[in-house]
Amino acid sequence: MNKKRDIPWSSILKSWLHKPRVVNYSRYSPYLPKRVFEYLKIDDLSIRKERIKWLIGLLANHDMNEIDEKFYDFIDQQSDQLKEPKYHPFDVDWAKYDQLQIATERSETQ
């Protein structure tokens, strides 16, 4: 008891890769660095799987503490596929909505 031991992140992430929904509920989640955990909490499961694969690749050359320290440097180097989608399919395009409002106001004043 009361002994420190390294957490086998590579094997944990590989198991999460098969069941990406478990990331939020895993007993290991509280031990992840905060930035990494927030990064993996994305709702889109296909992107979550890609991010887990990306982390597994980083763990081949870096430990989890180093990934946490240099997280933003690593994020800048990743592909666009792993980044947050700009537009969610159910989000409202407010620019189009505003254009409709302007057209309605014009027709009311004429």
Protein backbone atom coordinates (compact mmCIF):
# COMPACT_ATOMS: atom_id res chain seq x y z
CA MET A 1 0.00 0.00 0.00
CA ASN A 2 0.93 3.65 -0.41
CA LYS A 3 3.37 2.81 -3.17
CA LYS A 4 3.59 4.79 -6.34
CA ARG A 5 3.64 2.98 -9.62
CA ASP A 6 3.40 4.12 -13.19
CA ILE A 7 0.04 3.87 -14.88
CA PRO A 8 0.26 1.83 -18.12
CA TRP A 9 -1.30 4.55 -20.29
CA SER A 10 -0.54 2.83 -23.56
CA SER A 11 -2.54 -0.29 -22.70
CA ILE A 12 -5.33 1.78 -21.12
CA LEU A 13 -5.66 3.94 -24.23
CA LYS A 14 -5.67 0.84 -26.42
CA SER A 15 -8.58 -0.56 -24.43
CA TRP A 16 -10.36 2.81 -24.68
CA LEU A 17 -9.87 2.68 -28.42
CA HIS A 18 -12.18 -0.33 -28.60
CA LYS A 19 -14.78 1.30 -26.34
CA PRO A 20 -14.40 5.08 -26.67
CA ARG A 21 -17.47 5.87 -24.56
CA VAL A 22 -15.72 4.53 -21.47
CA VAL A 23 -13.32 7.50 -21.36
CA ASN A 24 -15.72 9.51 -19.20
CA TYR A 25 -16.37 6.64 -16.80
CA SER A 26 -13.05 4.83 -16.55
CA ARG A 27 -11.38 4.54 -13.18
CA TYR A 28 -8.20 5.89 -14.81
CA SER A 29 -9.79 9.09 -16.12
CA PRO A 30 -9.18 11.07 -12.90
CA TYR A 31 -5.45 10.33 -13.24
CA LEU A 32 -5.20 11.80 -16.72
CA PRO A 33 -3.81 15.32 -16.90
CA LYS A 34 -6.71 17.79 -17.04
CA ARG A 35 -5.85 19.07 -20.53
CA VAL A 36 -5.65 15.58 -21.99
CA PHE A 37 -8.90 14.51 -20.35
CA GLU A 38 -10.76 17.56 -21.67
CA TYR A 39 -9.27 16.87 -25.10
CA LEU A 40 -10.65 13.33 -25.06
CA LYS A 41 -14.11 14.29 -23.81
CA ILE A 42 -15.34 15.36 -27.26
CA ASP A 43 -18.84 14.06 -28.05
CA ASP A 44 -18.06 12.87 -31.56
CA LEU A 45 -16.86 9.28 -31.02
CA SER A 46 -15.06 8.98 -34.36
CA ILE A 47 -12.95 12.05 -33.52
CA ARG A 48 -12.44 10.69 -29.99
CA LYS A 49 -11.07 7.43 -31.45
CA GLU A 50 -8.70 9.35 -33.72
CA ARG A 51 -7.49 11.41 -30.77
CA ILE A 52 -6.87 8.26 -28.73
CA LYS A 53 -4.84 6.83 -31.62
CA TRP A 54 -2.90 10.09 -31.78
CA LEU A 55 -2.14 9.89 -28.04
CA ILE A 56 -1.03 6.26 -28.35
CA GLY A 57 1.39 7.40 -31.06
CA LEU A 58 2.74 10.15 -28.82
CA LEU A 59 3.21 7.73 -25.93
CA ALA A 60 5.68 5.77 -28.06
CA ASN A 61 8.19 8.61 -27.66
CA HIS A 62 6.93 10.64 -24.69
CA ASP A 63 5.48 9.95 -21.27
CA MET A 64 2.12 11.36 -20.15
CA ASN A 65 3.70 14.12 -18.06
CA GLU A 66 5.72 15.33 -21.02
CA ILE A 67 2.62 15.26 -23.22
CA ASP A 68 0.83 17.38 -20.63
CA GLU A 69 3.69 19.89 -20.44
CA LYS A 70 4.02 20.24 -24.23
CA PHE A 71 0.33 19.65 -24.99
CA TYR A 72 -0.26 22.82 -26.99
CA ASP A 73 2.89 22.25 -29.06
CA PHE A 74 1.68 18.76 -29.93
CA ILE A 75 -1.81 20.06 -30.73
CA ASP A 76 -0.39 22.54 -33.23
CA GLN A 77 1.34 19.69 -35.06
CA GLN A 78 -1.73 17.47 -35.41
CA SER A 79 -3.87 17.14 -38.52
CA ASP A 80 -7.14 18.97 -39.10
CA GLN A 81 -9.01 15.68 -38.80
CA LEU A 82 -8.42 15.66 -35.02
CA LYS A 83 -9.45 19.25 -34.41
CA GLU A 84 -12.88 20.42 -33.34
CA PRO A 85 -15.32 20.59 -36.24
CA LYS A 86 -16.10 24.21 -37.15
CA TYR A 87 -19.78 23.64 -37.71
CA HIS A 88 -21.89 21.09 -35.92
CA PRO A 89 -24.58 19.62 -38.19
CA PHE A 90 -27.34 20.80 -35.86
CA ASP A 91 -25.95 24.26 -35.17
CA VAL A 92 -27.66 27.30 -36.62
CA ASP A 93 -25.77 29.35 -39.17
CA TRP A 94 -26.48 32.74 -37.63
CA ALA A 95 -25.22 34.64 -40.69
CA LYS A 96 -28.02 33.13 -42.81
CA TYR A 97 -30.52 33.87 -40.05
CA ASP A 98 -29.42 37.51 -39.91
CA GLN A 99 -29.82 37.80 -43.67
CA LEU A 100 -33.40 36.59 -43.37
CA GLN A 101 -34.11 39.21 -40.72
CA ILE A 102 -32.73 42.01 -42.89
CA ALA A 103 -34.89 40.88 -45.84
CA THR A 104 -37.98 40.84 -43.60
CA GLU A 105 -37.27 44.34 -42.26
CA ARG A 106 -36.87 45.70 -45.82
CA SER A 107 -40.21 44.27 -46.94
CA GLU A 108 -41.96 45.75 -43.89
CA THR A 109 -40.63 49.28 -44.55
CA GLN A 110 -41.67 49.28 -48.22
